[in-house]
C-alpha cells in the first residue's frame, strides 16, 4: 500500500521556521524523485522544491530560494523527505503536499509528472 504522509505543519509567526516531513512507503521510493508543492486558498497548486532520487540535485521555486531547504533520507523501507522552511512569510501560508515521481526531474517540475501524493499539511504564517 502506497503511503505518503506529511507532518510538521502548524501556525507560526512571520520570520519563524517550520520543518515539514514526508514519509513515503509502499514502493521503492528510494528510486523516485520527490517534491513539495503548496496550494493557498483560491490559488493554483504551485511548485516549491524538488530533489532527485539520491539527493544530488535540488530545485527550488524562486519565491523560496535561500529560505527553504529540501533533503531526503532513503531508509530501507521508507523514504523521508524534509522541507526546512526558514524566514517564513505571510505568503507562505498554504497546504503543503509532497509527491513522488518515477520520471526524472529533468523532464520538468510540473505537478503532472507526479504519480503519488500525500494528503497535505497546513502551514499558516501570521503577522
PDB file of N, CA and C in Angstrom:
ATOM      1  N   UNK A   1       0.841  -1.197   0.000  1.00  0.00           N
ATOM      2  CA  UNK A   1       0.000   0.000   0.000  1.00  0.00           C
ATOM      3  C   UNK A   1       0.877   1.248   0.000  1.00  0.00           C
ATOM      4  N   UNK A   2       0.656   2.076  -0.998  1.00  0.00           N
ATOM      5  CA  UNK A   2       1.436   3.302  -1.106  1.00  0.00           C
ATOM      6  C   UNK A   2       0.922   4.326  -0.099  1.00  0.00           C
ATOM      7  N   UNK A   3       1.861   4.907   0.619  1.00  0.00           N
ATOM      8  CA  UNK A   3       1.510   5.964   1.562  1.00  0.00           C
ATOM      9  C   UNK A   3       2.534   7.075   1.517  1.00  0.00           C
ATOM     10  N   UNK A   4       2.049   8.298   1.412  1.00  0.00           N
ATOM     11  CA  UNK A   4       2.868   9.481   1.594  1.00  0.00           C
ATOM     12  C   UNK A   4       2.180  10.285   2.683  1.00  0.00           C
ATOM     13  N   UNK A   5       2.861  10.456   3.787  1.00  0.00           N
ATOM     14  CA  UNK A   5       2.256  11.095   4.939  1.00  0.00           C
ATOM     15  C   UNK A   5       3.102  12.298   5.347  1.00  0.00           C
ATOM     16  N   UNK A   6       2.488  13.466   5.266  1.00  0.00           N
ATOM     17  CA  UNK A   6       3.175  14.694   5.655  1.00  0.00           C
ATOM     18  C   UNK A   6       2.903  15.004   7.120  1.00  0.00           C
ATOM     19  N   UNK A   7       3.849  15.685   7.727  1.00  0.00           N
ATOM     20  CA  UNK A   7       3.690  16.132   9.109  1.00  0.00           C
ATOM     21  C   UNK A   7       4.531  17.373   9.317  1.00  0.00           C
ATOM     22  N   UNK A   8       4.269  18.059  10.419  1.00  0.00           N
ATOM     23  CA  UNK A   8       5.088  19.203  10.784  1.00  0.00           C
ATOM     24  C   UNK A   8       4.477  20.555  10.531  1.00  0.00           C
ATOM     25  N   UNK A   9       3.311  20.583   9.922  1.00  0.00           N
ATOM     26  CA  UNK A   9       2.677  21.863   9.682  1.00  0.00           C
ATOM     27  C   UNK A   9       2.203  22.500  10.972  1.00  0.00           C
ATOM     28  N   UNK A  10       1.792  23.758  10.883  1.00  0.00           N
ATOM     29  CA  UNK A  10       1.285  24.442  12.063  1.00  0.00           C
ATOM     30  C   UNK A  10       1.167  25.935  11.844  1.00  0.00           C
ATOM     31  N   UNK A  11       0.973  26.630  12.950  1.00  0.00           N
ATOM     32  CA  UNK A  11       0.817  28.078  12.951  1.00  0.00           C
ATOM     33  C   UNK A  11       2.075  28.709  13.530  1.00  0.00           C
ATOM     34  N   UNK A  12       2.693  29.587  12.764  1.00  0.00           N
ATOM     35  CA  UNK A  12       3.889  30.279  13.214  1.00  0.00           C
ATOM     36  C   UNK A  12       3.776  31.756  12.854  1.00  0.00           C
ATOM     37  N   UNK A  13       4.636  32.544  13.459  1.00  0.00           N
ATOM     38  CA  UNK A  13       4.682  33.961  13.124  1.00  0.00           C
ATOM     39  C   UNK A  13       5.686  34.198  12.013  1.00  0.00           C
ATOM     40  N   UNK A  14       5.481  35.287  11.315  1.00  0.00           N
ATOM     41  CA  UNK A  14       6.399  35.649  10.233  1.00  0.00           C
ATOM     42  C   UNK A  14       7.826  35.740  10.781  1.00  0.00           C
ATOM     43  N   UNK A  15       8.759  35.202   9.999  1.00  0.00           N
ATOM     44  CA  UNK A  15      10.149  35.198  10.408  1.00  0.00           C
ATOM     45  C   UNK A  15      10.590  33.931  11.107  1.00  0.00           C
ATOM     46  N   UNK A  16       9.619  33.132  11.553  1.00  0.00           N
ATOM     47  CA  UNK A  16       9.949  31.891  12.248  1.00  0.00           C
ATOM     48  C   UNK A  16      10.177  30.746  11.251  1.00  0.00           C
ATOM     49  N   UNK A  17      10.447  29.572  11.807  1.00  0.00           N
ATOM     50  CA  UNK A  17      10.780  28.412  10.984  1.00  0.00           C
ATOM     51  C   UNK A  17       9.828  27.252  11.257  1.00  0.00           C
ATOM     52  N   UNK A  18       9.722  26.386  10.262  1.00  0.00           N
ATOM     53  CA  UNK A  18       8.993  25.125  10.398  1.00  0.00           C
ATOM     54  C   UNK A  18       9.746  24.066   9.614  1.00  0.00           C
ATOM     55  N   UNK A  19       9.561  22.831  10.053  1.00  0.00           N
ATOM     56  CA  UNK A  19      10.199  21.712   9.363  1.00  0.00           C
ATOM     57  C   UNK A  19       9.111  20.714   9.005  1.00  0.00           C
ATOM     58  N   UNK A  20       8.899  20.538   7.724  1.00  0.00           N
ATOM     59  CA  UNK A  20       7.923  19.567   7.250  1.00  0.00           C
ATOM     60  C   UNK A  20       8.619  18.260   6.911  1.00  0.00           C
ATOM     61  N   UNK A  21       7.904  17.181   7.125  1.00  0.00           N
ATOM     62  CA  UNK A  21       8.439  15.871   6.792  1.00  0.00           C
ATOM     63  C   UNK A  21       7.414  15.070   6.014  1.00  0.00           C
ATOM     64  N   UNK A  22       7.889  14.287   5.090  1.00  0.00           N
ATOM     65  CA  UNK A  22       7.034  13.400   4.303  1.00  0.00           C
ATOM     66  C   UNK A  22       7.619  11.996   4.389  1.00  0.00           C
ATOM     67  N   UNK A  23       6.813  11.052   4.839  1.00  0.00           N
ATOM     68  CA  UNK A  23       7.231   9.661   4.917  1.00  0.00           C
ATOM     69  C   UNK A  23       6.560   8.890   3.798  1.00  0.00           C
ATOM     70  N   UNK A  24       7.352   8.353   2.890  1.00  0.00           N
ATOM     71  CA  UNK A  24       6.828   7.647   1.711  1.00  0.00           C
ATOM     72  C   UNK A  24       7.166   6.163   1.811  1.00  0.00           C
ATOM     73  N   UNK A  25       6.155   5.327   1.655  1.00  0.00           N
ATOM     74  CA  UNK A  25       6.359   3.887   1.758  1.00  0.00           C
ATOM     75  C   UNK A  25       5.424   3.169   0.806  1.00  0.00           C
ATOM     76  N   UNK A  26       5.683   1.889   0.575  1.00  0.00           N
ATOM     77  CA  UNK A  26       4.824   1.078  -0.274  1.00  0.00           C
ATOM     78  C   UNK A  26       5.339   0.899  -1.691  1.00  0.00           C
ATOM     79  N   UNK A  27       6.364   1.593  -2.034  1.00  0.00           N
ATOM     80  CA  UNK A  27       7.055   1.457  -3.316  1.00  0.00           C
ATOM     81  C   UNK A  27       8.539   1.633  -3.038  1.00  0.00           C
ATOM     82  N   UNK A  28       9.331   1.381  -4.080  1.00  0.00           N
ATOM     83  CA  UNK A  28      10.765   1.611  -3.934  1.00  0.00           C
ATOM     84  C   UNK A  28      11.022   3.093  -4.161  1.00  0.00           C
ATOM     85  N   UNK A  29      10.573   3.893  -3.195  1.00  0.00           N
ATOM     86  CA  UNK A  29      10.666   5.345  -3.360  1.00  0.00           C
ATOM     87  C   UNK A  29      12.098   5.850  -3.308  1.00  0.00           C
ATOM     88  N   UNK A  30      13.023   4.989  -2.925  1.00  0.00           N
ATOM     89  CA  UNK A  30      14.431   5.400  -2.957  1.00  0.00           C
ATOM     90  C   UNK A  30      14.906   5.652  -4.376  1.00  0.00           C
ATOM     91  N   UNK A  31      14.149   5.169  -5.369  1.00  0.00           N
ATOM     92  CA  UNK A  31      14.498   5.409  -6.773  1.00  0.00           C
ATOM     93  C   UNK A  31      13.641   6.497  -7.400  1.00  0.00           C
ATOM     94  N   UNK A  32      12.753   7.084  -6.626  1.00  0.00           N
ATOM     95  CA  UNK A  32      11.856   8.127  -7.111  1.00  0.00           C
ATOM     96  C   UNK A  32      12.409   9.511  -6.782  1.00  0.00           C
ATOM     97  N   UNK A  33      12.202  10.443  -7.692  1.00  0.00           N
ATOM     98  CA  UNK A  33      12.415  11.843  -7.359  1.00  0.00           C
ATOM     99  C   UNK A  33      11.192  12.317  -6.554  1.00  0.00           C
ATOM    100  N   UNK A  34      11.433  13.265  -5.684  1.00  0.00           N
ATOM    101  CA  UNK A  34      10.370  13.706  -4.778  1.00  0.00           C
ATOM    102  C   UNK A  34      10.253  15.220  -4.811  1.00  0.00           C
ATOM    103  N   UNK A  35       9.068  15.716  -4.471  1.00  0.00           N
ATOM    104  CA  UNK A  35       8.897  17.156  -4.477  1.00  0.00           C
ATOM    105  C   UNK A  35       7.865  17.635  -3.482  1.00  0.00           C
ATOM    106  N   UNK A  36       7.900  18.923  -3.213  1.00  0.00           N
ATOM    107  CA  UNK A  36       6.908  19.595  -2.382  1.00  0.00           C
ATOM    108  C   UNK A  36       6.183  20.629  -3.235  1.00  0.00           C
ATOM    109  N   UNK A  37       4.882  20.661  -3.064  1.00  0.00           N
ATOM    110  CA  UNK A  37       4.026  21.660  -3.694  1.00  0.00           C
ATOM    111  C   UNK A  37       3.171  22.301  -2.618  1.00  0.00           C
ATOM    112  N   UNK A  38       2.591  23.424  -2.939  1.00  0.00           N
ATOM    113  CA  UNK A  38       1.683  24.069  -1.990  1.00  0.00           C
ATOM    114  C   UNK A  38       0.518  24.692  -2.737  1.00  0.00           C
ATOM    115  N   UNK A  39      -0.577  24.835  -2.005  1.00  0.00           N
ATOM    116  CA  UNK A  39      -1.763  25.453  -2.568  1.00  0.00           C
ATOM    117  C   UNK A  39      -2.410  26.337  -1.523  1.00  0.00           C
ATOM    118  N   UNK A  40      -2.484  27.606  -1.847  1.00  0.00           N
ATOM    119  CA  UNK A  40      -3.140  28.571  -0.973  1.00  0.00           C
ATOM    120  C   UNK A  40      -4.599  28.704  -1.392  1.00  0.00           C
ATOM    121  N   UNK A  41      -5.463  29.155  -0.486  1.00  0.00           N
ATOM    122  CA  UNK A  41      -6.889  29.300  -0.815  1.00  0.00           C
ATOM    123  C   UNK A  41      -7.091  30.185  -2.041  1.00  0.00           C
ATOM    124  N   UNK A  42      -7.864  29.686  -2.985  1.00  0.00           N
ATOM    125  CA  UNK A  42      -8.178  30.461  -4.177  1.00  0.00           C
ATOM    126  C   UNK A  42      -7.073  30.513  -5.205  1.00  0.00           C
ATOM    127  N   UNK A  43      -5.999  29.775  -4.970  1.00  0.00           N
ATOM    128  CA  UNK A  43      -4.874  29.785  -5.898  1.00  0.00           C
ATOM    129  C   UNK A  43      -4.592  28.375  -6.406  1.00  0.00           C
ATOM    130  N   UNK A  44      -3.881  28.317  -7.513  1.00  0.00           N
ATOM    131  CA  UNK A  44      -3.500  27.031  -8.057  1.00  0.00           C
ATOM    132  C   UNK A  44      -2.328  26.440  -7.266  1.00  0.00           C
ATOM    133  N   UNK A  45      -2.215  25.137  -7.361  1.00  0.00           N
ATOM    134  CA  UNK A  45      -1.078  24.473  -6.730  1.00  0.00           C
ATOM    135  C   UNK A  45       0.203  24.939  -7.393  1.00  0.00           C
ATOM    136  N   UNK A  46       1.228  25.175  -6.598  1.00  0.00           N
ATOM    137  CA  UNK A  46       2.474  25.653  -7.150  1.00  0.00           C
ATOM    138  C   UNK A  46       3.652  24.837  -6.621  1.00  0.00           C
ATOM    139  N   UNK A  47       4.641  24.732  -7.467  1.00  0.00           N
ATOM    140  CA  UNK A  47       5.865  24.027  -7.122  1.00  0.00           C
ATOM    141  C   UNK A  47       6.631  24.792  -6.049  1.00  0.00           C
ATOM    142  N   UNK A  48       7.198  24.042  -5.095  1.00  0.00           N
ATOM    143  CA  UNK A  48       8.011  24.642  -4.043  1.00  0.00           C
ATOM    144  C   UNK A  48       9.462  24.182  -4.156  1.00  0.00           C
ATOM    145  N   UNK A  49       9.663  22.855  -4.121  1.00  0.00           N
ATOM    146  CA  UNK A  49      11.025  22.315  -4.136  1.00  0.00           C
ATOM    147  C   UNK A  49      10.973  20.863  -4.583  1.00  0.00           C
ATOM    148  N   UNK A  50      12.091  20.396  -5.121  1.00  0.00           N
ATOM    149  CA  UNK A  50      12.177  19.004  -5.538  1.00  0.00           C
ATOM    150  C   UNK A  50      13.600  18.506  -5.341  1.00  0.00           C
ATOM    151  N   UNK A  51      13.699  17.187  -5.226  1.00  0.00           N
ATOM    152  CA  UNK A  51      15.006  16.568  -5.006  1.00  0.00           C
ATOM    153  C   UNK A  51      15.047  15.263  -5.787  1.00  0.00           C
ATOM    154  N   UNK A  52      16.175  14.978  -6.389  1.00  0.00           N
ATOM    155  CA  UNK A  52      16.238  13.752  -7.177  1.00  0.00           C
ATOM    156  C   UNK A  52      16.455  12.549  -6.255  1.00  0.00           C
ATOM    157  N   UNK A  53      16.496  11.371  -6.829  1.00  0.00           N
ATOM    158  CA  UNK A  53      16.433  10.150  -6.048  1.00  0.00           C
ATOM    159  C   UNK A  53      17.573   9.989  -5.044  1.00  0.00           C
ATOM    160  N   UNK A  54      18.749  10.496  -5.362  1.00  0.00           N
ATOM    161  CA  UNK A  54      19.875  10.317  -4.441  1.00  0.00           C
ATOM    162  C   UNK A  54      20.257  11.589  -3.705  1.00  0.00           C
ATOM    163  N   UNK A  55      19.448  12.622  -3.869  1.00  0.00           N
ATOM    164  CA  UNK A  55      19.716  13.873  -3.171  1.00  0.00           C
ATOM    165  C   UNK A  55      20.772  14.739  -3.818  1.00  0.00           C
ATOM    166  N   UNK A  56      21.245  14.338  -4.973  1.00  0.00           N
ATOM    167  CA  UNK A  56      22.321  15.069  -5.610  1.00  0.00           C
ATOM    168  C   UNK A  56      21.884  16.316  -6.361  1.00  0.00           C
ATOM    169  N   UNK A  57      20.606  16.397  -6.675  1.00  0.00           N
ATOM    170  CA  UNK A  57      20.079  17.557  -7.393  1.00  0.00           C
ATOM    171  C   UNK A  57      18.857  18.093  -6.666  1.00  0.00           C
ATOM    172  N   UNK A  58      18.835  19.390  -6.496  1.00  0.00           N
ATOM    173  CA  UNK A  58      17.725  20.039  -5.812  1.00  0.00           C
ATOM    174  C   UNK A  58      17.259  21.232  -6.628  1.00  0.00           C
ATOM    175  N   UNK A  59      15.964  21.458  -6.587  1.00  0.00           N
ATOM    176  CA  UNK A  59      15.366  22.556  -7.333  1.00  0.00           C
ATOM    177  C   UNK A  59      14.429  23.315  -6.394  1.00  0.00           C
ATOM    178  N   UNK A  60      14.385  24.634  -6.588  1.00  0.00           N
ATOM    179  CA  UNK A  60      13.548  25.463  -5.743  1.00  0.00           C
ATOM    180  C   UNK A  60      12.800  26.489  -6.579  1.00  0.00           C
ATOM    181  N   UNK A  61      11.610  26.824  -6.135  1.00  0.00           N
ATOM    182  CA  UNK A  61      10.906  27.959  -6.711  1.00  0.00           C
ATOM    183  C   UNK A  61      11.646  29.226  -6.310  1.00  0.00           C
ATOM    184  N   UNK A  62      11.609  30.221  -7.166  1.00  0.00           N
ATOM    185  CA  UNK A  62      12.305  31.472  -6.875  1.00  0.00           C
ATOM    186  C   UNK A  62      11.813  32.098  -5.569  1.00  0.00           C
ATOM    187  N   UNK A  63      10.535  31.906  -5.283  1.00  0.00           N
ATOM    188  CA  UNK A  63       9.933  32.540  -4.109  1.00  0.00           C
ATOM    189  C   UNK A  63      10.451  31.975  -2.788  1.00  0.00           C
ATOM    190  N   UNK A  64      11.074  30.792  -2.818  1.00  0.00           N
ATOM    191  CA  UNK A  64      11.548  30.177  -1.573  1.00  0.00           C
ATOM    192  C   UNK A  64      13.055  29.974  -1.561  1.00  0.00           C
ATOM    193  N   UNK A  65      13.696  30.273  -2.667  1.00  0.00           N
ATOM    194  CA  UNK A  65      15.135  30.054  -2.770  1.00  0.00           C
ATOM    195  C   UNK A  65      15.866  30.865  -1.697  1.00  0.00           C
ATOM    196  N   UNK A  66      16.778  30.204  -1.009  1.00  0.00           N
ATOM    197  CA  UNK A  66      17.520  30.859   0.059  1.00  0.00           C
ATOM    198  C   UNK A  66      16.844  30.778   1.413  1.00  0.00           C
ATOM    199  N   UNK A  67      15.581  30.382   1.431  1.00  0.00           N
ATOM    200  CA  UNK A  67      14.849  30.273   2.708  1.00  0.00           C
ATOM    201  C   UNK A  67      14.472  28.824   3.024  1.00  0.00           C
ATOM    202  N   UNK A  68      14.175  28.051   1.989  1.00  0.00           N
ATOM    203  CA  UNK A  68      13.751  26.661   2.171  1.00  0.00           C
ATOM    204  C   UNK A  68      14.862  25.727   1.722  1.00  0.00           C
ATOM    205  N   UNK A  69      14.938  24.583   2.389  1.00  0.00           N
ATOM    206  CA  UNK A  69      15.913  23.558   2.029  1.00  0.00           C
ATOM    207  C   UNK A  69      15.225  22.194   2.015  1.00  0.00           C
ATOM    208  N   UNK A  70      15.386  21.484   0.915  1.00  0.00           N
ATOM    209  CA  UNK A  70      14.821  20.146   0.805  1.00  0.00           C
ATOM    210  C   UNK A  70      15.942  19.120   0.986  1.00  0.00           C
ATOM    211  N   UNK A  71      15.614  18.017   1.641  1.00  0.00           N
ATOM    212  CA  UNK A  71      16.579  16.948   1.830  1.00  0.00           C
ATOM    213  C   UNK A  71      15.820  15.625   1.906  1.00  0.00           C
ATOM    214  N   UNK A  72      16.550  14.527   1.858  1.00  0.00           N
ATOM    215  CA  UNK A  72      15.902  13.227   1.930  1.00  0.00           C
ATOM    216  C   UNK A  72      16.796  12.206   2.602  1.00  0.00           C
ATOM    217  N   UNK A  73      16.125  11.202   3.136  1.00  0.00           N
ATOM    218  CA  UNK A  73      16.807  10.084   3.765  1.00  0.00           C
ATOM    219  C   UNK A  73      16.185   8.818   3.196  1.00  0.00           C
ATOM    220  N   UNK A  74      16.943   8.096   2.394  1.00  0.00           N
ATOM    221  CA  UNK A  74      16.450   6.852   1.787  1.00  0.00           C
ATOM    222  C   UNK A  74      16.668   5.693   2.740  1.00  0.00           C
ATOM    223  N   UNK A  75      15.807   5.596   3.719  1.00  0.00           N
ATOM    224  CA  UNK A  75      15.878   4.484   4.663  1.00  0.00           C
ATOM    225  C   UNK A  75      15.395   3.210   3.973  1.00  0.00           C
ATOM    226  N   UNK A  76      15.535   2.090   4.632  1.00  0.00           N
ATOM    227  CA  UNK A  76      15.315   0.794   3.995  1.00  0.00           C
ATOM    228  C   UNK A  76      13.903   0.641   3.420  1.00  0.00           C
ATOM    229  N   UNK A  77      12.890   0.914   4.178  1.00  0.00           N
ATOM    230  CA  UNK A  77      11.515   0.696   3.726  1.00  0.00           C
ATOM    231  C   UNK A  77      10.719   1.979   3.549  1.00  0.00           C
ATOM    232  N   UNK A  78      11.243   3.059   4.044  1.00  0.00           N
ATOM    233  CA  UNK A  78      10.538   4.335   3.996  1.00  0.00           C
ATOM    234  C   UNK A  78      11.515   5.438   3.620  1.00  0.00           C
ATOM    235  N   UNK A  79      11.069   6.281   2.713  1.00  0.00           N
ATOM    236  CA  UNK A  79      11.870   7.445   2.338  1.00  0.00           C
ATOM    237  C   UNK A  79      11.298   8.656   3.057  1.00  0.00           C
ATOM    238  N   UNK A  80      12.189   9.421   3.659  1.00  0.00           N
ATOM    239  CA  UNK A  80      11.779  10.635   4.362  1.00  0.00           C
ATOM    240  C   UNK A  80      12.293  11.846   3.594  1.00  0.00           C
ATOM    241  N   UNK A  81      11.363  12.730   3.287  1.00  0.00           N
ATOM    242  CA  UNK A  81      11.723  13.958   2.581  1.00  0.00           C
ATOM    243  C   UNK A  81      11.375  15.124   3.486  1.00  0.00           C
ATOM    244  N   UNK A  82      12.347  15.942   3.750  1.00  0.00           N
ATOM    245  CA  UNK A  82      12.173  17.051   4.685  1.00  0.00           C
ATOM    246  C   UNK A  82      12.235  18.380   3.954  1.00  0.00           C
ATOM    247  N   UNK A  83      11.399  19.280   4.376  1.00  0.00           N
ATOM    248  CA  UNK A  83      11.427  20.652   3.864  1.00  0.00           C
ATOM    249  C   UNK A  83      11.633  21.579   5.056  1.00  0.00           C
ATOM    250  N   UNK A  84      12.831  22.108   5.177  1.00  0.00           N
ATOM    251  CA  UNK A  84      13.142  23.069   6.227  1.00  0.00           C
ATOM    252  C   UNK A  84      12.778  24.457   5.712  1.00  0.00           C
ATOM    253  N   UNK A  85      11.877  25.117   6.422  1.00  0.00           N
ATOM    254  CA  UNK A  85      11.395  26.414   5.984  1.00  0.00           C
ATOM    255  C   UNK A  85      11.792  27.466   6.997  1.00  0.00           C
ATOM    256  N   UNK A  86      12.637  28.385   6.590  1.00  0.00           N
ATOM    257  CA  UNK A  86      13.106  29.463   7.456  1.00  0.00           C
ATOM    258  C   UNK A  86      12.579  30.805   6.963  1.00  0.00           C
ATOM    259  N   UNK A  87      12.632  31.771   7.839  1.00  0.00           N
ATOM    260  CA  UNK A  87      12.215  33.137   7.492  1.00  0.00           C
ATOM    261  C   UNK A  87      10.856  33.131   6.803  1.00  0.00           C
ATOM    262  N   UNK A  88       9.913  32.466   7.415  1.00  0.00           N
ATOM    263  CA  UNK A  88       8.596  32.319   6.789  1.00  0.00           C
ATOM    264  C   UNK A  88       7.903  33.659   6.633  1.00  0.00           C
ATOM    265  N   UNK A  89       7.162  33.772   5.547  1.00  0.00           N
ATOM    266  CA  UNK A  89       6.430  34.981   5.212  1.00  0.00           C
ATOM    267  C   UNK A  89       4.938  34.679   5.186  1.00  0.00           C
ATOM    268  N   UNK A  90       4.150  35.739   5.259  1.00  0.00           N
ATOM    269  CA  UNK A  90       2.699  35.561   5.213  1.00  0.00           C
ATOM    270  C   UNK A  90       2.285  34.802   3.962  1.00  0.00           C
ATOM    271  N   UNK A  91       2.944  35.090   2.860  1.00  0.00           N
ATOM    272  CA  UNK A  91       2.580  34.471   1.583  1.00  0.00           C
ATOM    273  C   UNK A  91       2.975  33.001   1.486  1.00  0.00           C
ATOM    274  N   UNK A  92       3.645  32.473   2.488  1.00  0.00           N
ATOM    275  CA  UNK A  92       3.940  31.044   2.518  1.00  0.00           C
ATOM    276  C   UNK A  92       2.779  30.228   3.061  1.00  0.00           C
ATOM    277  N   UNK A  93       1.760  30.893   3.543  1.00  0.00           N
ATOM    278  CA  UNK A  93       0.589  30.194   4.066  1.00  0.00           C
ATOM    279  C   UNK A  93      -0.075  29.374   2.968  1.00  0.00           C
ATOM    280  N   UNK A  94      -0.220  28.080   3.215  1.00  0.00           N
ATOM    281  CA  UNK A  94      -0.795  27.173   2.216  1.00  0.00           C
ATOM    282  C   UNK A  94      -0.857  25.765   2.802  1.00  0.00           C
ATOM    283  N   UNK A  95      -1.513  24.893   2.053  1.00  0.00           N
ATOM    284  CA  UNK A  95      -1.424  23.463   2.335  1.00  0.00           C
ATOM    285  C   UNK A  95      -0.250  22.919   1.532  1.00  0.00           C
ATOM    286  N   UNK A  96       0.664  22.269   2.225  1.00  0.00           N
ATOM    287  CA  UNK A  96       1.867  21.735   1.599  1.00  0.00           C
ATOM    288  C   UNK A  96       1.720  20.228   1.424  1.00  0.00           C
ATOM    289  N   UNK A  97       2.001  19.777   0.203  1.00  0.00           N
ATOM    290  CA  UNK A  97       1.885  18.353  -0.103  1.00  0.00           C
ATOM    291  C   UNK A  97       3.174  17.843  -0.725  1.00  0.00           C
ATOM    292  N   UNK A  98       3.504  16.618  -0.401  1.00  0.00           N
ATOM    293  CA  UNK A  98       4.658  16.013  -1.049  1.00  0.00           C
ATOM    294  C   UNK A  98       4.187  15.038  -2.113  1.00  0.00           C
ATOM    295  N   UNK A  99       5.018  14.877  -3.111  1.00  0.00           N
ATOM    296  CA  UNK A  99       4.705  13.982  -4.213  1.00  0.00           C
ATOM    297  C   UNK A  99       5.911  13.154  -4.609  1.00  0.00           C
ATOM    298  N   UNK A 100       5.636  12.046  -5.272  1.00  0.00           N
ATOM    299  CA  UNK A 100       6.695  11.152  -5.739  1.00  0.00           C
ATOM    300  C   UNK A 100       6.510  10.892  -7.230  1.00  0.00           C
ATOM    301  N   UNK A 101       7.609  10.832  -7.939  1.00  0.00           N
ATOM    302  CA  UNK A 101       7.564  10.654  -9.389  1.00  0.00           C
ATOM    303  C   UNK A 101       8.645   9.691  -9.832  1.00  0.00           C
ATOM    304  N   UNK A 102       8.286   8.861 -10.798  1.00  0.00           N
ATOM    305  CA  UNK A 102       9.261   7.933 -11.362  1.00  0.00           C
ATOM    306  C   UNK A 102      10.006   8.574 -12.516  1.00  0.00           C
ATOM    307  N   UNK A 103       9.418   9.614 -13.117  1.00  0.00           N
ATOM    308  CA  UNK A 103      10.071  10.292 -14.227  1.00  0.00           C
ATOM    309  C   UNK A 103      11.098  11.273 -13.688  1.00  0.00           C
ATOM    310  N   UNK A 104      12.222  11.425 -14.361  1.00  0.00           N
ATOM    311  CA  UNK A 104      13.283  12.297 -13.857  1.00  0.00           C
ATOM    312  C   UNK A 104      12.878  13.768 -13.841  1.00  0.00           C
ATOM    313  N   UNK A 105      13.386  14.498 -12.885  1.00  0.00           N
ATOM    314  CA  UNK A 105      13.106  15.920 -12.758  1.00  0.00           C
ATOM    315  C   UNK A 105      13.540  16.708 -13.983  1.00  0.00           C
ATOM    316  N   UNK A 106      14.510  16.190 -14.726  1.00  0.00           N
ATOM    317  CA  UNK A 106      14.991  16.896 -15.915  1.00  0.00           C
ATOM    318  C   UNK A 106      13.892  17.091 -16.950  1.00  0.00           C
ATOM    319  N   UNK A 107      12.823  16.297 -16.871  1.00  0.00           N
ATOM    320  CA  UNK A 107      11.720  16.433 -17.821  1.00  0.00           C
ATOM    321  C   UNK A 107      10.850  17.640 -17.506  1.00  0.00           C
ATOM    322  N   UNK A 108      10.921  18.118 -16.303  1.00  0.00           N
ATOM    323  CA  UNK A 108      10.101  19.249 -15.908  1.00  0.00           C
ATOM    324  C   UNK A 108       9.678  19.135 -14.466  1.00  0.00           C
ATOM    325  N   UNK A 109       9.303  20.283 -13.879  1.00  0.00           N
ATOM    326  CA  UNK A 109       8.973  20.333 -12.461  1.00  0.00           C
ATOM    327  C   UNK A 109       7.465  20.323 -12.213  1.00  0.00           C
ATOM    328  N   UNK A 110       6.686  20.214 -13.259  1.00  0.00           N
ATOM    329  CA  UNK A 110       5.228  20.301 -13.132  1.00  0.00           C
ATOM    330  C   UNK A 110       4.653  19.190 -12.272  1.00  0.00           C
ATOM    331  N   UNK A 111       3.528  19.504 -11.651  1.00  0.00           N
ATOM    332  CA  UNK A 111       2.846  18.519 -10.815  1.00  0.00           C
ATOM    333  C   UNK A 111       2.359  17.325 -11.625  1.00  0.00           C
ATOM    334  N   UNK A 112       2.149  17.495 -12.919  1.00  0.00           N
ATOM    335  CA  UNK A 112       1.602  16.414 -13.746  1.00  0.00           C
ATOM    336  C   UNK A 112       2.533  15.212 -13.824  1.00  0.00           C
ATOM    337  N   UNK A 113       3.806  15.401 -13.503  1.00  0.00           N
ATOM    338  CA  UNK A 113       4.760  14.301 -13.586  1.00  0.00           C
ATOM    339  C   UNK A 113       4.732  13.408 -12.346  1.00  0.00           C
ATOM    340  N   UNK A 114       3.988  13.811 -11.328  1.00  0.00           N
ATOM    341  CA  UNK A 114       3.997  13.086 -10.068  1.00  0.00           C
ATOM    342  C   UNK A 114       2.912  12.009 -10.061  1.00  0.00           C
ATOM    343  N   UNK A 115       3.301  10.824  -9.606  1.00  0.00           N
ATOM    344  CA  UNK A 115       2.385   9.686  -9.605  1.00  0.00           C
ATOM    345  C   UNK A 115       1.656   9.514  -8.275  1.00  0.00           C
ATOM    346  N   UNK A 116       2.290   9.926  -7.205  1.00  0.00           N
ATOM    347  CA  UNK A 116       1.717   9.720  -5.875  1.00  0.00           C
ATOM    348  C   UNK A 116       1.783  11.024  -5.080  1.00  0.00           C
ATOM    349  N   UNK A 117       0.751  11.208  -4.236  1.00  0.00           N
ATOM    350  CA  UNK A 117       0.664  12.422  -3.430  1.00  0.00           C
ATOM    351  C   UNK A 117       0.261  12.092  -2.009  1.00  0.00           C
ATOM    352  N   UNK A 118       0.707  12.946  -1.100  1.00  0.00           N
ATOM    353  CA  UNK A 118       0.215  12.863   0.265  1.00  0.00           C
ATOM    354  C   UNK A 118      -1.042  13.699   0.425  1.00  0.00           C
ATOM    355  N   UNK A 119      -1.579  13.689   1.630  1.00  0.00           N
ATOM    356  CA  UNK A 119      -2.843  14.378   1.884  1.00  0.00           C
ATOM    357  C   UNK A 119      -2.647  15.860   2.197  1.00  0.00           C
ATOM    358  N   UNK A 120      -1.427  16.247   2.515  1.00  0.00           N
ATOM    359  CA  UNK A 120      -1.141  17.647   2.760  1.00  0.00           C
ATOM    360  C   UNK A 120      -1.115  18.008   4.232  1.00  0.00           C
ATOM    361  N   UNK A 121      -0.395  19.075   4.538  1.00  0.00           N
ATOM    362  CA  UNK A 121      -0.335  19.596   5.899  1.00  0.00           C
ATOM    363  C   UNK A 121      -0.411  21.119   5.825  1.00  0.00           C
ATOM    364  N   UNK A 122      -1.184  21.696   6.726  1.00  0.00           N
ATOM    365  CA  UNK A 122      -1.437  23.131   6.684  1.00  0.00           C
ATOM    366  C   UNK A 122      -0.291  23.895   7.342  1.00  0.00           C
ATOM    367  N   UNK A 123       0.162  24.918   6.654  1.00  0.00           N
ATOM    368  CA  UNK A 123       1.132  25.859   7.199  1.00  0.00           C
ATOM    369  C   UNK A 123       0.486  27.233   7.188  1.00  0.00           C
ATOM    370  N   UNK A 124       0.412  27.848   8.350  1.00  0.00           N
ATOM    371  CA  UNK A 124      -0.183  29.173   8.466  1.00  0.00           C
ATOM    372  C   UNK A 124       0.838  30.109   9.105  1.00  0.00           C
ATOM    373  N   UNK A 125       1.119  31.192   8.401  1.00  0.00           N
ATOM    374  CA  UNK A 125       2.066  32.178   8.896  1.00  0.00           C
ATOM    375  C   UNK A 125       1.286  33.449   9.230  1.00  0.00           C
ATOM    376  N   UNK A 126       1.418  33.900  10.460  1.00  0.00           N
ATOM    377  CA  UNK A 126       0.692  35.084  10.900  1.00  0.00           C
ATOM    378  C   UNK A 126       1.654  36.237  11.145  1.00  0.00           C
ATOM    379  N   UNK A 127       1.103  37.434  11.165  1.00  0.00           N
ATOM    380  CA  UNK A 127       1.938  38.632  11.361  1.00  0.00           C
ATOM    381  C   UNK A 127       2.097  38.958  12.825  1.00  0.00           C
TER     382      UNK A 127
END
